[in-house]
């Protein structure tokens, strides 16, 4: 039972992360200055999503 509860909690957290990443991407894309900073940061190796 504990394994099931832990797995369910992990799946909920993963779904929340996807929603947060999506919303953050929308916010960054809507602001030209933030979009430029994001583009420059992601040009650095190992920065950004893997």
C-alpha atoms as a PDB file:
ATOM      1  CA  UNK A   1       0.000   0.000   0.000  1.00  0.00           C
ATOM      2  CA  UNK A   2       2.804   2.438   0.827  1.00  0.00           C
ATOM      3  CA  UNK A   3       4.483   1.743  -2.502  1.00  0.00           C
ATOM      4  CA  UNK A   4       1.235   2.525  -4.312  1.00  0.00           C
ATOM      5  CA  UNK A   5       0.795   5.774  -2.358  1.00  0.00           C
ATOM      6  CA  UNK A   6       4.383   6.828  -3.056  1.00  0.00           C
ATOM      7  CA  UNK A   7       4.038   6.056  -6.767  1.00  0.00           C
ATOM      8  CA  UNK A   8       0.816   8.051  -6.954  1.00  0.00           C
ATOM      9  CA  UNK A   9       2.466  11.004  -5.207  1.00  0.00           C
ATOM     10  CA  UNK A  10       5.463  10.854  -7.580  1.00  0.00           C
ATOM     11  CA  UNK A  11       3.161  10.837 -10.605  1.00  0.00           C
ATOM     12  CA  UNK A  12       1.282  13.851  -9.235  1.00  0.00           C
ATOM     13  CA  UNK A  13       4.534  15.744  -8.704  1.00  0.00           C
ATOM     14  CA  UNK A  14       5.728  14.887 -12.228  1.00  0.00           C
ATOM     15  CA  UNK A  15       2.463  16.202 -13.672  1.00  0.00           C
ATOM     16  CA  UNK A  16       2.820  19.400 -11.617  1.00  0.00           C
ATOM     17  CA  UNK A  17       6.364  19.897 -12.923  1.00  0.00           C
ATOM     18  CA  UNK A  18       5.127  19.600 -16.519  1.00  0.00           C
ATOM     19  CA  UNK A  19       2.424  22.213 -15.865  1.00  0.00           C
ATOM     20  CA  UNK A  20       4.899  24.568 -14.196  1.00  0.00           C
ATOM     21  CA  UNK A  21       7.465  24.203 -16.986  1.00  0.00           C
ATOM     22  CA  UNK A  22       4.781  24.879 -19.589  1.00  0.00           C
ATOM     23  CA  UNK A  23       3.522  27.986 -17.806  1.00  0.00           C
ATOM     24  CA  UNK A  24       7.043  29.278 -17.240  1.00  0.00           C
ATOM     25  CA  UNK A  25       7.830  28.849 -20.936  1.00  0.00           C
ATOM     26  CA  UNK A  26       4.689  30.848 -21.798  1.00  0.00           C
ATOM     27  CA  UNK A  27       5.687  33.644 -19.421  1.00  0.00           C
ATOM     28  CA  UNK A  28       9.241  33.799 -20.791  1.00  0.00           C
ATOM     29  CA  UNK A  29       8.039  33.752 -24.411  1.00  0.00           C
ATOM     30  CA  UNK A  30       5.636  36.633 -23.718  1.00  0.00           C
ATOM     31  CA  UNK A  31       8.437  38.941 -22.528  1.00  0.00           C
ATOM     32  CA  UNK A  32      11.043  39.822 -25.179  1.00  0.00           C
ATOM     33  CA  UNK A  33      13.711  40.652 -22.609  1.00  0.00           C
ATOM     34  CA  UNK A  34      13.202  37.406 -20.728  1.00  0.00           C
ATOM     35  CA  UNK A  35      13.118  35.475 -24.006  1.00  0.00           C
ATOM     36  CA  UNK A  36      16.464  36.994 -24.984  1.00  0.00           C
ATOM     37  CA  UNK A  37      18.010  36.106 -21.616  1.00  0.00           C
ATOM     38  CA  UNK A  38      16.611  32.589 -21.911  1.00  0.00           C
ATOM     39  CA  UNK A  39      18.064  32.199 -25.411  1.00  0.00           C
ATOM     40  CA  UNK A  40      21.498  33.381 -24.260  1.00  0.00           C
ATOM     41  CA  UNK A  41      21.483  31.145 -21.186  1.00  0.00           C
ATOM     42  CA  UNK A  42      20.515  28.093 -23.230  1.00  0.00           C
ATOM     43  CA  UNK A  43      23.424  28.757 -25.579  1.00  0.00           C
ATOM     44  CA  UNK A  44      25.735  27.779 -22.704  1.00  0.00           C
ATOM     45  CA  UNK A  45      26.522  24.051 -22.630  1.00  0.00           C
ATOM     46  CA  UNK A  46      24.636  22.139 -19.908  1.00  0.00           C
ATOM     47  CA  UNK A  47      22.165  24.987 -19.262  1.00  0.00           C
ATOM     48  CA  UNK A  48      18.493  24.283 -19.883  1.00  0.00           C
ATOM     49  CA  UNK A  49      16.444  21.154 -20.202  1.00  0.00           C
ATOM     50  CA  UNK A  50      18.319  17.942 -20.788  1.00  0.00           C
END
